[in-house]
Amino acid sequence: MKMIGFTILGAFTLNFGTNPPIPIGFIVYLLFFSITKNKAAKKGAVYLGLFLFILASGIPFAQKFLYEFPRHLEVVQEYGDFDFADHWGRMQDRFDLRNAELHRLRLTYDKEGEVSEFDYYFKVRETNDRRVDYRVELSLEDHHFTVNRRIHHTQQTYNFIHHQNRNEHMEIGRFFNQLEEVGLKEIQPDNEYHFYKIDVGGEYYRFAGNVRRAYYIRNKDVHPLKEEDLTVYGVGMSVTGFDRTEGDYIKSRALYFMDAALNVDEEEG
């Protein structure tokens, strides 16, 4: 029984907000225990307890390391006819994704709709105190996406306050479905530039600004935004057209809204 007690002492820990916890039992043994009888056996029991503590502390770190190790997802579509809905379906199947919020997406494509750069960032709330952030980046040369994941543990109280003070983000599957339905060839301001860049934060917000270069997407079509449509509530995409003239880039920017609600009052949204 004494040997078991010394083993428990060696494995005993206290957590003062540190990660990993402090092996307080082993420290107490080193500082205060002076053993004369069965010294070797008792010392061995304490070190066994310390070993068990190290093993138990190391397993979560190993699991986290393996979980966060970068993964690859093969590109199965042609870049000139990229299927965004199919890509997201494969992401869901591979990583078992549900309720994923879009937080950033950048996409570069030419006037024929061929994709040359593509990366996006989204968050999944798995439990009240666990969130996983995903960053996905296309590698043209290797013909695959690199998927990086990071686990975040947060306080439940903080989550509630944070949720109350942030704008809603679009579900990423919904975004990709709408993008696929309308097609990249239709998201080209002026339709006269060599290539285009989409930059979207995924956040719903109200817009009542200049409608001169603003559009909204509905029923698979792009519609010009009019003064009588304001205020608009939706997810805005900044789309910039680029061309090269004597070595310099010229550009033109427009704003496209997905999931757009028109004539929204101030208290709505």
Protein backbone atom coordinates (compact mmCIF):
# COMPACT_ATOMS: atom_id res chain seq x y z
CA MET A 1 0.00 0.00 0.00
CA LYS A 2 2.86 2.36 0.76
CA MET A 3 4.30 1.74 -2.70
CA ILE A 4 0.95 2.60 -4.26
CA GLY A 5 0.86 5.76 -2.14
CA PHE A 6 4.31 6.81 -3.34
CA THR A 7 3.26 6.13 -6.95
CA ILE A 8 0.17 8.32 -6.48
CA LEU A 9 2.38 10.99 -4.90
CA GLY A 10 4.66 10.99 -7.94
CA ALA A 11 1.69 11.32 -10.30
CA PHE A 12 -0.16 13.96 -8.25
CA THR A 13 -0.56 17.30 -10.02
CA LEU A 14 -2.18 20.70 -9.56
CA ASN A 15 -3.29 22.96 -12.37
CA PHE A 16 -2.82 26.70 -11.75
CA GLY A 17 -3.86 27.61 -15.27
CA THR A 18 -0.66 26.13 -16.68
CA ASN A 19 -0.48 23.68 -19.53
CA PRO A 20 0.72 21.05 -18.77
CA PRO A 21 -0.15 20.97 -15.04
CA ILE A 22 2.60 21.08 -12.41
CA PRO A 23 3.80 17.71 -10.94
CA ILE A 24 3.43 19.00 -7.40
CA GLY A 25 3.60 15.53 -5.84
CA PHE A 26 7.06 14.84 -7.25
CA ILE A 27 8.27 18.28 -6.15
CA VAL A 28 6.99 17.64 -2.60
CA TYR A 29 8.83 14.31 -2.58
CA LEU A 30 12.12 15.94 -3.59
CA LEU A 31 11.80 18.77 -1.05
CA PHE A 32 10.37 17.12 2.05
CA PHE A 33 10.72 13.34 1.98
CA SER A 34 13.77 11.75 3.57
CA ILE A 35 13.38 7.99 3.14
CA THR A 36 15.60 5.48 4.85
CA LYS A 37 13.58 2.24 4.76
CA ASN A 38 12.99 0.60 1.35
CA LYS A 39 14.48 3.73 -0.16
CA ALA A 40 15.10 2.29 -3.63
CA ALA A 41 11.62 0.77 -3.95
CA LYS A 42 9.84 3.89 -2.74
CA LYS A 43 11.96 6.10 -4.95
CA GLY A 44 11.15 3.86 -7.89
CA ALA A 45 7.44 4.09 -7.09
CA VAL A 46 7.63 7.90 -7.05
CA TYR A 47 9.46 7.95 -10.37
CA LEU A 48 6.88 5.55 -11.79
CA GLY A 49 4.20 8.02 -10.77
CA LEU A 50 6.16 10.82 -12.46
CA PHE A 51 6.45 8.71 -15.60
CA LEU A 52 2.70 8.09 -15.61
CA PHE A 53 2.14 11.84 -15.21
CA ILE A 54 4.43 12.61 -18.17
CA LEU A 55 2.71 9.95 -20.27
CA ALA A 56 -0.76 11.24 -19.43
CA SER A 57 0.30 14.85 -20.11
CA GLY A 58 1.98 13.97 -23.38
CA ILE A 59 -0.92 12.09 -24.96
CA PRO A 60 -3.12 15.20 -25.51
CA PHE A 61 -0.17 17.06 -27.06
CA ALA A 62 0.50 14.14 -29.40
CA GLN A 63 -3.17 13.96 -30.36
CA LYS A 64 -3.26 17.71 -31.04
CA PHE A 65 -0.06 17.52 -33.12
CA LEU A 66 -1.45 14.69 -35.26
CA TYR A 67 -4.82 16.42 -35.65
CA GLU A 68 -3.23 19.72 -36.71
CA PHE A 69 -0.70 18.16 -39.09
CA PRO A 70 -1.38 19.55 -42.61
CA ARG A 71 -3.57 17.41 -44.85
CA HIS A 72 -3.87 17.38 -48.63
CA LEU A 73 -7.02 17.20 -50.72
CA GLU A 74 -6.55 16.37 -54.38
CA VAL A 75 -8.03 18.66 -57.03
CA VAL A 76 -10.31 16.58 -59.24
CA GLN A 77 -11.71 19.38 -61.43
CA GLU A 78 -10.20 21.36 -64.25
CA TYR A 79 -9.20 24.88 -63.22
CA GLY A 80 -11.09 26.27 -66.22
CA ASP A 81 -14.34 24.69 -65.03
CA PHE A 82 -13.92 24.54 -61.28
CA ASP A 83 -16.92 23.15 -59.38
CA PHE A 84 -17.04 24.94 -56.02
CA ALA A 85 -20.03 22.99 -54.71
CA ASP A 86 -18.35 19.67 -55.50
CA HIS A 87 -15.11 20.84 -53.88
CA TRP A 88 -16.94 21.71 -50.66
CA GLY A 89 -18.75 18.38 -50.71
CA ARG A 90 -15.39 16.62 -50.81
CA MET A 91 -14.13 18.79 -47.95
CA GLN A 92 -17.18 17.85 -45.87
CA ASP A 93 -16.72 14.16 -46.55
CA ARG A 94 -13.01 14.24 -45.76
CA PHE A 95 -13.20 16.28 -42.53
CA ASP A 96 -16.80 15.65 -41.41
CA LEU A 97 -17.64 19.37 -41.46
CA ARG A 98 -20.89 20.86 -40.17
CA ASN A 99 -21.96 24.49 -39.63
CA ALA A 100 -18.75 25.97 -41.05
CA GLU A 101 -18.59 29.79 -41.05
CA LEU A 102 -16.74 31.57 -43.84
CA HIS A 103 -14.28 34.15 -42.47
CA ARG A 104 -12.08 34.95 -45.49
CA LEU A 105 -11.83 33.91 -49.12
CA ARG A 106 -9.53 35.09 -51.89
CA LEU A 107 -9.88 33.90 -55.45
CA THR A 108 -8.10 34.89 -58.67
CA TYR A 109 -9.42 33.92 -62.11
CA ASP A 110 -9.21 35.10 -65.71
CA LYS A 111 -11.98 36.37 -67.97
CA GLU A 112 -12.70 32.80 -69.09
CA GLY A 113 -13.30 31.77 -65.48
CA GLU A 114 -10.08 29.76 -65.06
CA VAL A 115 -8.90 29.71 -61.44
CA SER A 116 -5.24 30.54 -60.74
CA GLU A 117 -5.24 31.35 -56.99
CA PHE A 118 -7.64 30.15 -54.33
CA ASP A 119 -7.47 30.16 -50.54
CA TYR A 120 -10.03 30.49 -47.78
CA TYR A 121 -10.40 30.43 -44.04
CA PHE A 122 -13.35 29.20 -41.99
CA LYS A 123 -14.32 28.27 -38.43
CA VAL A 124 -16.27 25.36 -36.99
CA ARG A 125 -17.74 25.49 -33.49
CA GLU A 126 -17.63 21.84 -32.40
CA THR A 127 -18.66 22.34 -28.76
CA ASN A 128 -19.26 25.27 -26.40
CA ASP A 129 -15.58 25.36 -25.47
CA ARG A 130 -13.89 24.00 -28.61
CA ARG A 131 -13.49 25.70 -31.99
CA VAL A 132 -11.45 24.54 -34.97
CA ASP A 133 -10.05 27.03 -37.50
CA TYR A 134 -9.36 25.79 -41.02
CA ARG A 135 -7.11 27.38 -43.63
CA VAL A 136 -7.29 25.92 -47.14
CA GLU A 137 -4.86 26.88 -49.90
CA LEU A 138 -4.63 25.73 -53.51
CA SER A 139 -1.28 24.59 -54.93
CA LEU A 140 -1.43 24.75 -58.73
CA GLU A 141 1.87 22.94 -59.18
CA ASP A 142 1.00 20.02 -56.90
CA HIS A 143 -2.64 19.92 -57.97
CA HIS A 144 -3.97 19.73 -54.42
CA PHE A 145 -5.30 21.82 -51.56
CA THR A 146 -3.33 22.06 -48.33
CA VAL A 147 -5.63 22.04 -45.31
CA ASN A 148 -4.34 23.38 -41.98
CA ARG A 149 -6.37 23.02 -38.78
CA ARG A 150 -5.93 24.71 -35.40
CA ILE A 151 -7.82 23.78 -32.24
CA HIS A 152 -8.89 26.58 -29.88
CA HIS A 153 -10.34 26.09 -26.41
CA THR A 154 -12.37 29.01 -25.07
CA GLN A 155 -14.42 29.82 -22.00
CA GLN A 156 -18.18 29.31 -22.40
CA THR A 157 -18.90 32.75 -20.88
CA TYR A 158 -16.53 34.38 -23.36
CA ASN A 159 -18.23 32.56 -26.23
CA PHE A 160 -21.63 33.96 -25.24
CA ILE A 161 -20.33 37.54 -24.99
CA HIS A 162 -18.40 37.18 -28.23
CA HIS A 163 -21.49 35.86 -30.03
CA GLN A 164 -23.59 38.77 -28.79
CA ASN A 165 -21.13 41.33 -30.17
CA ARG A 166 -20.26 40.01 -33.60
CA ASN A 167 -21.96 39.96 -36.99
CA GLU A 168 -23.25 36.71 -38.39
CA HIS A 169 -21.07 34.91 -40.94
CA MET A 170 -22.30 33.04 -43.99
CA GLU A 171 -22.31 29.26 -43.95
CA ILE A 172 -19.54 28.33 -46.35
CA GLY A 173 -21.47 25.59 -48.16
CA ARG A 174 -24.19 28.11 -48.96
CA PHE A 175 -21.57 30.52 -50.30
CA PHE A 176 -19.99 27.92 -52.58
CA ASN A 177 -23.39 26.78 -53.88
CA GLN A 178 -24.33 30.33 -54.87
CA LEU A 179 -20.91 30.96 -56.40
CA GLU A 180 -21.24 27.78 -58.46
CA GLU A 181 -24.77 28.62 -59.60
CA VAL A 182 -23.95 32.07 -60.93
CA GLY A 183 -20.49 31.20 -62.34
CA LEU A 184 -17.26 33.19 -62.37
CA LYS A 185 -17.84 34.49 -65.90
CA GLU A 186 -20.80 36.49 -64.58
CA ILE A 187 -18.80 38.05 -61.75
CA GLN A 188 -16.65 40.33 -63.89
CA PRO A 189 -17.12 44.10 -63.57
CA ASP A 190 -17.06 45.69 -67.04
CA ASN A 191 -16.07 42.32 -68.55
CA GLU A 192 -12.95 43.85 -70.07
CA TYR A 193 -10.06 42.90 -67.79
CA HIS A 194 -7.48 40.17 -68.11
CA PHE A 195 -8.03 38.73 -64.65
CA TYR A 196 -10.12 39.30 -61.52
CA LYS A 197 -9.74 38.93 -57.78
CA ILE A 198 -12.50 38.19 -55.28
CA ASP A 199 -11.97 39.10 -51.64
CA VAL A 200 -14.73 38.32 -49.17
CA GLY A 201 -14.83 38.24 -45.36
CA GLY A 202 -18.01 36.18 -45.12
CA GLU A 203 -19.69 38.65 -42.77
CA TYR A 204 -23.26 39.92 -43.17
CA TYR A 205 -23.54 43.70 -43.01
CA ARG A 206 -25.73 46.62 -44.09
CA PHE A 207 -24.85 48.72 -47.13
CA ALA A 208 -26.37 52.07 -48.09
CA GLY A 209 -23.52 53.58 -50.10
CA ASN A 210 -22.85 54.40 -53.75
CA VAL A 211 -24.65 51.91 -56.01
CA ARG A 212 -22.76 52.90 -59.17
CA ARG A 213 -20.61 49.76 -59.11
CA ALA A 214 -22.66 47.54 -56.82
CA TYR A 215 -24.60 44.39 -57.67
CA TYR A 216 -26.51 41.64 -55.95
CA ILE A 217 -26.82 37.95 -56.81
CA ARG A 218 -30.24 36.31 -56.74
CA ASN A 219 -31.78 33.29 -58.49
CA LYS A 220 -28.49 32.50 -60.23
CA ASP A 221 -28.39 35.97 -61.84
CA VAL A 222 -26.45 39.18 -61.25
CA HIS A 223 -28.57 42.33 -60.87
CA PRO A 224 -27.35 45.95 -60.69
CA LEU A 225 -28.11 47.54 -57.34
CA LYS A 226 -30.35 50.61 -57.49
CA GLU A 227 -30.97 53.48 -55.11
CA GLU A 228 -34.48 52.24 -54.40
CA ASP A 229 -33.02 48.88 -53.24
CA LEU A 230 -31.18 50.43 -50.29
CA THR A 231 -30.51 49.59 -47.56
CA VAL A 232 -29.05 46.18 -48.51
CA TYR A 233 -28.16 43.48 -45.98
CA GLY A 234 -25.94 40.64 -47.18
CA VAL A 235 -22.43 39.29 -47.64
CA GLY A 236 -20.32 41.64 -49.75
CA MET A 237 -17.67 40.45 -52.20
CA SER A 238 -15.07 42.92 -53.38
CA VAL A 239 -14.25 42.07 -57.01
CA THR A 240 -11.32 43.80 -58.66
CA GLY A 241 -10.50 43.63 -62.37
CA PHE A 242 -6.86 43.93 -63.46
CA ASP A 243 -5.21 44.52 -66.80
CA ARG A 244 -1.73 45.42 -67.94
CA THR A 245 -0.93 48.51 -70.00
CA GLU A 246 2.74 49.16 -70.84
CA GLY A 247 3.87 47.24 -67.79
CA ASP A 248 1.48 48.90 -65.33
CA TYR A 249 -1.67 47.41 -63.87
CA ILE A 250 -4.94 49.23 -64.23
CA LYS A 251 -7.85 48.10 -62.14
CA SER A 252 -11.52 48.58 -61.48
CA ARG A 253 -13.42 47.51 -58.37
CA ALA A 254 -17.04 46.51 -57.84
CA LEU A 255 -19.11 45.15 -54.97
CA TYR A 256 -21.31 42.06 -55.25
CA PHE A 257 -23.75 40.96 -52.54
CA MET A 258 -24.74 37.38 -51.83
CA ASP A 259 -27.79 36.46 -49.76
CA ALA A 260 -28.94 40.03 -50.28
CA ALA A 261 -32.05 41.37 -48.58
CA LEU A 262 -33.22 44.66 -50.12
CA ASN A 263 -34.91 47.66 -48.46
CA VAL A 264 -33.79 46.63 -44.99
CA ASP A 265 -34.66 48.97 -42.11
CA GLU A 266 -31.98 50.00 -39.61
CA GLU A 267 -33.33 47.70 -36.91
CA GLU A 268 -33.27 44.69 -39.23
CA GLY A 269 -30.24 42.54 -39.98
